[in-house]
Amino acid sequence: MRVRAAVTAAALLPLLTAAPALAVANGSDVPAGQFGFTAKLAMASIPRPDGSTYSSFCSGSLVAPQWILTNGHCFHDVNRNRVSGPVPYATTVTLGLVDEAKEQGITRKVTDVLQSSVNDTALAHLDSPATGVTPLTLNRLVPGTGQSLTLAGWGSTTAKNPAPSAKLQQGTVEVANVAPTTLGVRGVSPAATTSACTYDAGAPYFVPSGSGGQLIAVEITGPDCPHASAELTARVDVIADWVADHTK
């Protein structure tokens, strides 16, 4: 499925042609009209050290009309070091839909990237605001063990021959442990093995509310999906001020 927790941070974004990148395994389809803030990031012509290129995908969430919060390693140089500044390769963001076969959604291009110095997260700046989509608000409180969260992502539903999903997937998890900048989460529903998967890197863990919700954490990595082990996520409360300062 996706990158294992034992893999180094520099390898968190797998390849389409080799090890998979980081969707929701053993999840369920998101009903029409919900979670439009969940972003599908498609990256093309990502360079390898040998001069070749490949394509990959990540997930993310809209946190301001012109900003996506995602996994930091979705944007890296040829040596897989995270990068800030002009987007390192062509990246397209799609929002506002749950089924690519039935809906068009909103498409924007990423122009610039800002990497967090606190945890493995990054802000992606869009070429124009994503109007009509309600952004997630940012949690500013320390999450509690046992807290219930919703995960939504565009990743694969299996680690075997992974491919990004054409339907937005969701699942329920709960906080298993709290570290200074990260959370461990475990699947609850539809199954104990509900878990993020390949191409879910950057996917939001949130508490739904109306057309939006409150963002609690961002997907980093975990064991191959599906699994019942703890998944590593990045806490949003510890970067909330940084996000707010850059998305005004």
C-alpha atoms as a PDB file:
ATOM      1  CA  MET A   1       0.000   0.000   0.000  1.00  0.00           C
ATOM      2  CA  ARG A   2       1.981   2.925   1.043  1.00  0.00           C
ATOM      3  CA  VAL A   3       5.215   3.911   2.627  1.00  0.00           C
ATOM      4  CA  ARG A   4       5.974   2.037   5.815  1.00  0.00           C
ATOM      5  CA  ALA A   5       6.565   3.934   9.038  1.00  0.00           C
ATOM      6  CA  ALA A   6      10.158   2.645   9.098  1.00  0.00           C
ATOM      7  CA  VAL A   7      11.003   4.356   5.830  1.00  0.00           C
ATOM      8  CA  THR A   8      12.931   7.582   6.170  1.00  0.00           C
ATOM      9  CA  ALA A   9      11.076  10.890   5.862  1.00  0.00           C
ATOM     10  CA  ALA A  10      12.821  11.582   2.572  1.00  0.00           C
ATOM     11  CA  ALA A  11      11.062   8.599   1.040  1.00  0.00           C
ATOM     12  CA  LEU A  12       7.530   9.518   2.060  1.00  0.00           C
ATOM     13  CA  LEU A  13       6.389  10.236  -1.487  1.00  0.00           C
ATOM     14  CA  PRO A  14       6.475   6.913  -3.406  1.00  0.00           C
ATOM     15  CA  LEU A  15       6.544   6.556  -7.149  1.00  0.00           C
ATOM     16  CA  LEU A  16       3.900   5.437  -9.603  1.00  0.00           C
ATOM     17  CA  THR A  17       6.452   3.182 -11.236  1.00  0.00           C
ATOM     18  CA  ALA A  18       8.147   1.928  -8.093  1.00  0.00           C
ATOM     19  CA  ALA A  19       7.210   2.036  -4.409  1.00  0.00           C
ATOM     20  CA  PRO A  20       3.750   3.597  -4.014  1.00  0.00           C
ATOM     21  CA  ALA A  21       3.164   7.062  -2.530  1.00  0.00           C
ATOM     22  CA  LEU A  22       0.878   7.561   0.401  1.00  0.00           C
ATOM     23  CA  ALA A  23      -6.046   6.780   0.131  1.00  0.00           C
ATOM     24  CA  VAL A  24      -8.482   5.346   2.454  1.00  0.00           C
ATOM     25  CA  ALA A  25      -8.470   1.542   2.670  1.00  0.00           C
ATOM     26  CA  ASN A  26     -11.591  -0.177   4.030  1.00  0.00           C
ATOM     27  CA  GLY A  27     -13.388   3.161   3.955  1.00  0.00           C
ATOM     28  CA  SER A  28     -16.612   4.236   2.244  1.00  0.00           C
ATOM     29  CA  ASP A  29     -17.725   6.599  -0.522  1.00  0.00           C
ATOM     30  CA  VAL A  30     -18.318  10.201   0.527  1.00  0.00           C
ATOM     31  CA  PRO A  31     -21.914  11.273  -0.258  1.00  0.00           C
ATOM     32  CA  ALA A  32     -22.411  13.892  -2.965  1.00  0.00           C
ATOM     33  CA  GLY A  33     -21.924  17.458  -1.805  1.00  0.00           C
ATOM     34  CA  GLN A  34     -19.798  16.669   1.239  1.00  0.00           C
ATOM     35  CA  PHE A  35     -16.160  17.378   2.104  1.00  0.00           C
ATOM     36  CA  GLY A  36     -15.526  19.550  -0.974  1.00  0.00           C
ATOM     37  CA  PHE A  37     -12.504  20.995   0.839  1.00  0.00           C
ATOM     38  CA  THR A  38     -10.624  17.703   0.347  1.00  0.00           C
ATOM     39  CA  ALA A  39      -8.057  18.245  -2.403  1.00  0.00           C
ATOM     40  CA  LYS A  40      -6.546  15.851  -4.922  1.00  0.00           C
ATOM     41  CA  LEU A  41      -3.050  16.929  -5.932  1.00  0.00           C
ATOM     42  CA  ALA A  42      -1.653  15.574  -9.214  1.00  0.00           C
ATOM     43  CA  MET A  43       2.074  16.107  -9.809  1.00  0.00           C
ATOM     44  CA  ALA A  44       3.780  15.596 -13.169  1.00  0.00           C
ATOM     45  CA  SER A  45       7.419  15.396 -14.322  1.00  0.00           C
ATOM     46  CA  ILE A  46       8.893  14.823 -10.869  1.00  0.00           C
ATOM     47  CA  PRO A  47      12.661  14.414 -11.394  1.00  0.00           C
ATOM     48  CA  ARG A  48      14.739  11.394 -10.428  1.00  0.00           C
ATOM     49  CA  PRO A  49      18.535  11.447  -9.892  1.00  0.00           C
ATOM     50  CA  ASP A  50      19.059   9.535 -13.166  1.00  0.00           C
ATOM     51  CA  GLY A  51      17.373  12.321 -15.164  1.00  0.00           C
ATOM     52  CA  SER A  52      14.074  10.499 -15.730  1.00  0.00           C
ATOM     53  CA  THR A  53      10.751  11.736 -14.375  1.00  0.00           C
ATOM     54  CA  TYR A  54       7.548  10.256 -12.975  1.00  0.00           C
ATOM     55  CA  SER A  55       4.077  11.320 -11.846  1.00  0.00           C
ATOM     56  CA  SER A  56       2.431  10.976  -8.445  1.00  0.00           C
ATOM     57  CA  PHE A  57      -0.475  12.142  -6.284  1.00  0.00           C
ATOM     58  CA  CYS A  58      -1.193  13.494  -2.814  1.00  0.00           C
ATOM     59  CA  SER A  59      -4.265  14.571  -0.885  1.00  0.00           C
ATOM     60  CA  GLY A  60      -4.779  17.791   1.050  1.00  0.00           C
ATOM     61  CA  SER A  61      -7.383  20.253   2.287  1.00  0.00           C
ATOM     62  CA  LEU A  62      -8.420  23.818   1.584  1.00  0.00           C
ATOM     63  CA  VAL A  63      -7.612  25.991   4.628  1.00  0.00           C
ATOM     64  CA  ALA A  64      -8.075  29.383   2.943  1.00  0.00           C
ATOM     65  CA  PRO A  65      -9.558  30.348  -0.453  1.00  0.00           C
ATOM     66  CA  GLN A  66      -6.137  30.227  -2.123  1.00  0.00           C
ATOM     67  CA  TRP A  67      -4.223  27.760   0.086  1.00  0.00           C
ATOM     68  CA  ILE A  68      -4.006  23.970   0.474  1.00  0.00           C
ATOM     69  CA  LEU A  69      -2.437  22.289   3.515  1.00  0.00           C
ATOM     70  CA  THR A  70      -0.785  18.981   2.680  1.00  0.00           C
ATOM     71  CA  ASN A  71       2.202  16.759   3.483  1.00  0.00           C
ATOM     72  CA  GLY A  72       5.566  18.509   3.197  1.00  0.00           C
ATOM     73  CA  HIS A  73       7.212  15.681   1.270  1.00  0.00           C
ATOM     74  CA  CYS A  74       4.692  16.048  -1.537  1.00  0.00           C
ATOM     75  CA  PHE A  75       7.056  18.793  -2.744  1.00  0.00           C
ATOM     76  CA  HIS A  76      10.724  17.863  -2.894  1.00  0.00           C
ATOM     77  CA  ASP A  77      13.897  18.155  -4.943  1.00  0.00           C
ATOM     78  CA  VAL A  78      15.646  15.390  -6.894  1.00  0.00           C
ATOM     79  CA  ASN A  79      17.153  14.089  -3.638  1.00  0.00           C
ATOM     80  CA  ARG A  80      13.727  14.076  -1.925  1.00  0.00           C
ATOM     81  CA  ASN A  81      14.527  17.005   0.331  1.00  0.00           C
ATOM     82  CA  ARG A  82      11.468  19.151   1.029  1.00  0.00           C
ATOM     83  CA  VAL A  83      11.489  22.449  -0.855  1.00  0.00           C
ATOM     84  CA  SER A  84       9.889  25.873  -0.454  1.00  0.00           C
ATOM     85  CA  GLY A  85       9.440  28.529  -3.106  1.00  0.00           C
ATOM     86  CA  PRO A  86       8.142  28.160  -6.670  1.00  0.00           C
ATOM     87  CA  VAL A  87       6.446  24.783  -7.117  1.00  0.00           C
ATOM     88  CA  PRO A  88       9.199  22.299  -8.122  1.00  0.00           C
ATOM     89  CA  TYR A  89       7.039  20.515 -10.739  1.00  0.00           C
ATOM     90  CA  ALA A  90       3.660  21.027 -12.349  1.00  0.00           C
ATOM     91  CA  THR A  91       0.960  20.376  -9.741  1.00  0.00           C
ATOM     92  CA  THR A  92      -2.791  20.531 -10.279  1.00  0.00           C
ATOM     93  CA  VAL A  93      -5.331  20.657  -7.447  1.00  0.00           C
ATOM     94  CA  THR A  94      -8.944  19.475  -7.790  1.00  0.00           C
ATOM     95  CA  LEU A  95     -11.598  20.375  -5.196  1.00  0.00           C
ATOM     96  CA  GLY A  96     -15.357  20.446  -4.737  1.00  0.00           C
ATOM     97  CA  LEU A  97     -16.336  16.956  -5.897  1.00  0.00           C
ATOM     98  CA  VAL A  98     -16.640  13.371  -4.689  1.00  0.00           C
ATOM     99  CA  ASP A  99     -16.876  11.422  -7.987  1.00  0.00           C
ATOM    100  CA  GLU A 100     -14.656  12.268 -10.944  1.00  0.00           C
ATOM    101  CA  ALA A 101     -16.890  10.274 -13.316  1.00  0.00           C
ATOM    102  CA  LYS A 102     -19.904  12.461 -12.516  1.00  0.00           C
ATOM    103  CA  GLU A 103     -18.522  15.843 -11.451  1.00  0.00           C
ATOM    104  CA  GLN A 104     -16.054  18.372 -12.768  1.00  0.00           C
ATOM    105  CA  GLY A 105     -15.167  20.161  -9.556  1.00  0.00           C
ATOM    106  CA  ILE A 106     -12.782  23.110  -9.336  1.00  0.00           C
ATOM    107  CA  THR A 107      -9.260  22.866 -10.751  1.00  0.00           C
ATOM    108  CA  ARG A 108      -6.387  25.150  -9.830  1.00  0.00           C
ATOM    109  CA  LYS A 109      -2.617  25.123 -10.295  1.00  0.00           C
ATOM    110  CA  VAL A 110      -0.077  25.358  -7.483  1.00  0.00           C
ATOM    111  CA  THR A 111       2.322  28.283  -7.869  1.00  0.00           C
ATOM    112  CA  ASP A 112       4.363  28.275  -4.653  1.00  0.00           C
ATOM    113  CA  VAL A 113       5.057  26.083  -1.633  1.00  0.00           C
ATOM    114  CA  LEU A 114       5.806  26.980   1.999  1.00  0.00           C
ATOM    115  CA  GLN A 115       7.273  24.264   4.225  1.00  0.00           C
ATOM    116  CA  SER A 116       6.535  24.156   7.957  1.00  0.00           C
ATOM    117  CA  SER A 117       9.532  23.996  10.283  1.00  0.00           C
ATOM    118  CA  VAL A 118       7.460  22.255  12.973  1.00  0.00           C
ATOM    119  CA  ASN A 119       6.273  19.042  11.324  1.00  0.00           C
ATOM    120  CA  ASP A 120       6.001  17.409   7.900  1.00  0.00           C
ATOM    121  CA  THR A 121       3.394  19.780   6.464  1.00  0.00           C
ATOM    122  CA  ALA A 122       3.365  22.380   3.714  1.00  0.00           C
ATOM    123  CA  LEU A 123       1.126  25.106   2.344  1.00  0.00           C
ATOM    124  CA  ALA A 124       0.488  25.122  -1.409  1.00  0.00           C
ATOM    125  CA  HIS A 125      -0.552  28.438  -2.961  1.00  0.00           C
ATOM    126  CA  LEU A 126      -3.147  28.290  -5.746  1.00  0.00           C
ATOM    127  CA  ASP A 127      -3.087  30.444  -8.867  1.00  0.00           C
ATOM    128  CA  SER A 128      -6.583  31.774  -8.031  1.00  0.00           C
ATOM    129  CA  PRO A 129      -9.044  31.393  -5.132  1.00  0.00           C
ATOM    130  CA  ALA A 130     -11.227  28.278  -4.996  1.00  0.00           C
ATOM    131  CA  THR A 131     -14.505  30.127  -4.666  1.00  0.00           C
ATOM    132  CA  GLY A 132     -17.608  28.182  -3.712  1.00  0.00           C
ATOM    133  CA  VAL A 133     -15.755  25.737  -1.443  1.00  0.00           C
ATOM    134  CA  THR A 134     -15.822  26.180   2.345  1.00  0.00           C
ATOM    135  CA  PRO A 135     -12.299  25.873   3.808  1.00  0.00           C
ATOM    136  CA  LEU A 136     -11.629  23.906   6.975  1.00  0.00           C
ATOM    137  CA  THR A 137     -10.969  25.910  10.119  1.00  0.00           C
ATOM    138  CA  LEU A 138      -7.840  25.154  12.147  1.00  0.00           C
ATOM    139  CA  ASN A 139      -7.880  23.403  15.508  1.00  0.00           C
ATOM    140  CA  ARG A 140      -5.939  25.256  18.213  1.00  0.00           C
ATOM    141  CA  LEU A 141      -6.426  22.875  21.148  1.00  0.00           C
ATOM    142  CA  VAL A 142      -4.331  19.843  22.087  1.00  0.00           C
ATOM    143  CA  PRO A 143      -6.176  16.767  20.753  1.00  0.00           C
ATOM    144  CA  GLY A 144      -7.206  14.165  23.306  1.00  0.00           C
ATOM    145  CA  THR A 145      -6.664  10.430  23.300  1.00  0.00           C
ATOM    146  CA  GLY A 146      -9.832   8.705  22.114  1.00  0.00           C
ATOM    147  CA  GLN A 147     -11.053  11.728  20.150  1.00  0.00           C
ATOM    148  CA  SER A 148     -13.045  10.706  17.051  1.00  0.00           C
ATOM    149  CA  LEU A 149     -11.917  12.107  13.690  1.00  0.00           C
ATOM    150  CA  THR A 150     -13.022  11.765  10.077  1.00  0.00           C
ATOM    151  CA  LEU A 151     -10.419  10.974   7.424  1.00  0.00           C
ATOM    152  CA  ALA A 152     -11.091  11.834   3.774  1.00  0.00           C
ATOM    153  CA  GLY A 153      -8.718  11.217   0.883  1.00  0.00           C
ATOM    154  CA  TRP A 154      -8.200  10.460  -2.791  1.00  0.00           C
ATOM    155  CA  GLY A 155      -5.606   7.744  -2.301  1.00  0.00           C
ATOM    156  CA  SER A 156      -5.661   4.119  -3.277  1.00  0.00           C
ATOM    157  CA  THR A 157      -7.970   1.667  -1.514  1.00  0.00           C
ATOM    158  CA  THR A 158      -5.338  -1.079  -1.610  1.00  0.00           C
ATOM    159  CA  ALA A 159      -1.580  -1.439  -1.434  1.00  0.00           C
ATOM    160  CA  LYS A 160      -1.595  -3.968  -4.274  1.00  0.00           C
ATOM    161  CA  ASN A 161      -1.082  -2.200  -7.619  1.00  0.00           C
ATOM    162  CA  PRO A 162      -2.132   1.100  -6.014  1.00  0.00           C
ATOM    163  CA  ALA A 163      -3.850   3.832  -7.997  1.00  0.00           C
ATOM    164  CA  PRO A 164      -5.521   7.051  -6.843  1.00  0.00           C
ATOM    165  CA  SER A 165      -9.240   6.684  -6.303  1.00  0.00           C
ATOM    166  CA  ALA A 166     -11.746   8.292  -8.671  1.00  0.00           C
ATOM    167  CA  LYS A 167     -14.158   8.573  -5.720  1.00  0.00           C
ATOM    168  CA  LEU A 168     -13.459  10.471  -2.516  1.00  0.00           C
ATOM    169  CA  GLN A 169     -13.212   7.989   0.375  1.00  0.00           C
ATOM    170  CA  GLN A 170     -13.846   8.490   4.086  1.00  0.00           C
ATOM    171  CA  GLY A 171     -13.442   6.661   7.377  1.00  0.00           C
ATOM    172  CA  THR A 172     -13.570   7.235  11.117  1.00  0.00           C
ATOM    173  CA  VAL A 173     -10.475   6.988  13.294  1.00  0.00           C
ATOM    174  CA  GLU A 174      -9.656   7.824  16.884  1.00  0.00           C
ATOM    175  CA  VAL A 175      -6.598   9.402  18.448  1.00  0.00           C
ATOM    176  CA  ALA A 176      -4.395   6.662  19.910  1.00  0.00           C
ATOM    177  CA  ASN A 177      -1.502   8.772  21.186  1.00  0.00           C
ATOM    178  CA  VAL A 178      -0.411  12.405  21.319  1.00  0.00           C
ATOM    179  CA  ALA A 179       3.195  13.516  20.746  1.00  0.00           C
ATOM    180  CA  PRO A 180       4.583  17.085  20.694  1.00  0.00           C
ATOM    181  CA  THR A 181       3.977  17.652  16.960  1.00  0.00           C
ATOM    182  CA  THR A 182       2.228  14.471  15.812  1.00  0.00           C
ATOM    183  CA  LEU A 183      -0.706  12.174  16.563  1.00  0.00           C
ATOM    184  CA  GLY A 184      -1.082   8.431  16.251  1.00  0.00           C
ATOM    185  CA  VAL A 185      -4.550   7.419  15.022  1.00  0.00           C
ATOM    186  CA  ARG A 186      -6.287   4.038  14.603  1.00  0.00           C
ATOM    187  CA  GLY A 187      -9.191   2.949  12.435  1.00  0.00           C
ATOM    188  CA  VAL A 188     -12.688   2.644  13.938  1.00  0.00           C
ATOM    189  CA  SER A 189     -15.284   2.630  11.130  1.00  0.00           C
ATOM    190  CA  PRO A 190     -16.276   1.086   8.771  1.00  0.00           C
ATOM    191  CA  ALA A 191     -13.618  -1.265  10.225  1.00  0.00           C
ATOM    192  CA  ALA A 192     -10.723  -1.384  12.659  1.00  0.00           C
ATOM    193  CA  THR A 193      -8.527  -1.623   9.559  1.00  0.00           C
ATOM    194  CA  THR A 194      -9.867   1.596   8.043  1.00  0.00           C
ATOM    195  CA  SER A 195      -6.649   3.448   7.275  1.00  0.00           C
ATOM    196  CA  ALA A 196      -4.931   5.898   4.986  1.00  0.00           C
ATOM    197  CA  CYS A 197      -3.210   4.382   1.961  1.00  0.00           C
ATOM    198  CA  THR A 198      -1.040   5.174  -1.040  1.00  0.00           C
ATOM    199  CA  TYR A 199      -1.566   8.745  -2.336  1.00  0.00           C
ATOM    200  CA  ASP A 200      -3.316   9.839   0.881  1.00  0.00           C
ATOM    201  CA  ALA A 201      -0.260  11.810   2.052  1.00  0.00           C
ATOM    202  CA  GLY A 202      -1.553  15.186   3.235  1.00  0.00           C
ATOM    203  CA  ALA A 203      -5.148  13.988   3.662  1.00  0.00           C
ATOM    204  CA  PRO A 204      -7.153  15.775   6.379  1.00  0.00           C
ATOM    205  CA  TYR A 205      -8.295  14.335   9.713  1.00  0.00           C
ATOM    206  CA  PHE A 206     -11.117  16.596  10.854  1.00  0.00           C
ATOM    207  CA  VAL A 207     -14.320  17.052  12.838  1.00  0.00           C
ATOM    208  CA  PRO A 208     -17.134  17.725  10.333  1.00  0.00           C
ATOM    209  CA  SER A 209     -19.466  20.672  10.868  1.00  0.00           C
ATOM    210  CA  GLY A 210     -22.010  21.856   8.303  1.00  0.00           C
ATOM    211  CA  SER A 211     -20.331  22.328   4.923  1.00  0.00           C
ATOM    212  CA  GLY A 212     -16.894  22.502   6.537  1.00  0.00           C
ATOM    213  CA  GLY A 213     -15.310  21.389   9.753  1.00  0.00           C
ATOM    214  CA  GLN A 214     -12.271  21.725  11.982  1.00  0.00           C
ATOM    215  CA  LEU A 215      -8.939  20.342  10.823  1.00  0.00           C
ATOM    216  CA  ILE A 216      -7.134  18.377  13.544  1.00  0.00           C
ATOM    217  CA  ALA A 217      -4.274  16.612  11.744  1.00  0.00           C
ATOM    218  CA  VAL A 218      -2.689  15.863   8.369  1.00  0.00           C
ATOM    219  CA  GLU A 219      -1.659  12.436   7.072  1.00  0.00           C
ATOM    220  CA  ILE A 220       2.071  11.634   7.120  1.00  0.00           C
ATOM    221  CA  THR A 221       2.625   7.877   6.852  1.00  0.00           C
ATOM    222  CA  GLY A 222       1.946   4.426   8.298  1.00  0.00           C
ATOM    223  CA  PRO A 223       2.131   0.664   7.710  1.00  0.00           C
ATOM    224  CA  ASP A 224       0.917  -0.859   4.465  1.00  0.00           C
ATOM    225  CA  CYS A 225      -2.852  -0.499   4.137  1.00  0.00           C
ATOM    226  CA  PRO A 226      -5.268  -1.725   5.252  1.00  0.00           C
ATOM    227  CA  HIS A 227      -4.009  -2.058   8.810  1.00  0.00           C
ATOM    228  CA  ALA A 228      -5.149  -1.738  12.420  1.00  0.00           C
ATOM    229  CA  SER A 229      -1.916  -0.176  13.680  1.00  0.00           C
ATOM    230  CA  ALA A 230      -1.337   3.454  14.579  1.00  0.00           C
ATOM    231  CA  GLU A 231      -1.017   5.887  11.682  1.00  0.00           C
ATOM    232  CA  LEU A 232       1.347   8.875  11.959  1.00  0.00           C
ATOM    233  CA  THR A 233      -0.244  12.283  11.417  1.00  0.00           C
ATOM    234  CA  ALA A 234       0.884  15.892  11.864  1.00  0.00           C
ATOM    235  CA  ARG A 235      -0.885  17.991  14.500  1.00  0.00           C
ATOM    236  CA  VAL A 236      -2.492  21.179  13.161  1.00  0.00           C
ATOM    237  CA  ASP A 237      -2.787  23.031  16.493  1.00  0.00           C
ATOM    238  CA  VAL A 238       1.017  23.429  16.656  1.00  0.00           C
ATOM    239  CA  ILE A 239       1.138  25.082  13.208  1.00  0.00           C
ATOM    240  CA  ALA A 240      -2.160  27.006  13.356  1.00  0.00           C
ATOM    241  CA  ASP A 241      -0.509  30.395  13.901  1.00  0.00           C
ATOM    242  CA  TRP A 242       1.962  29.745  11.074  1.00  0.00           C
ATOM    243  CA  VAL A 243      -0.844  28.774   8.705  1.00  0.00           C
ATOM    244  CA  ALA A 244      -2.925  31.802   9.698  1.00  0.00           C
ATOM    245  CA  ASP A 245       0.006  34.183   9.245  1.00  0.00           C
ATOM    246  CA  HIS A 246       0.663  32.986   5.692  1.00  0.00           C
ATOM    247  CA  THR A 247      -2.929  32.660   4.483  1.00  0.00           C
ATOM    248  CA  LYS A 248      -4.291  36.087   5.455  1.00  0.00           C
END
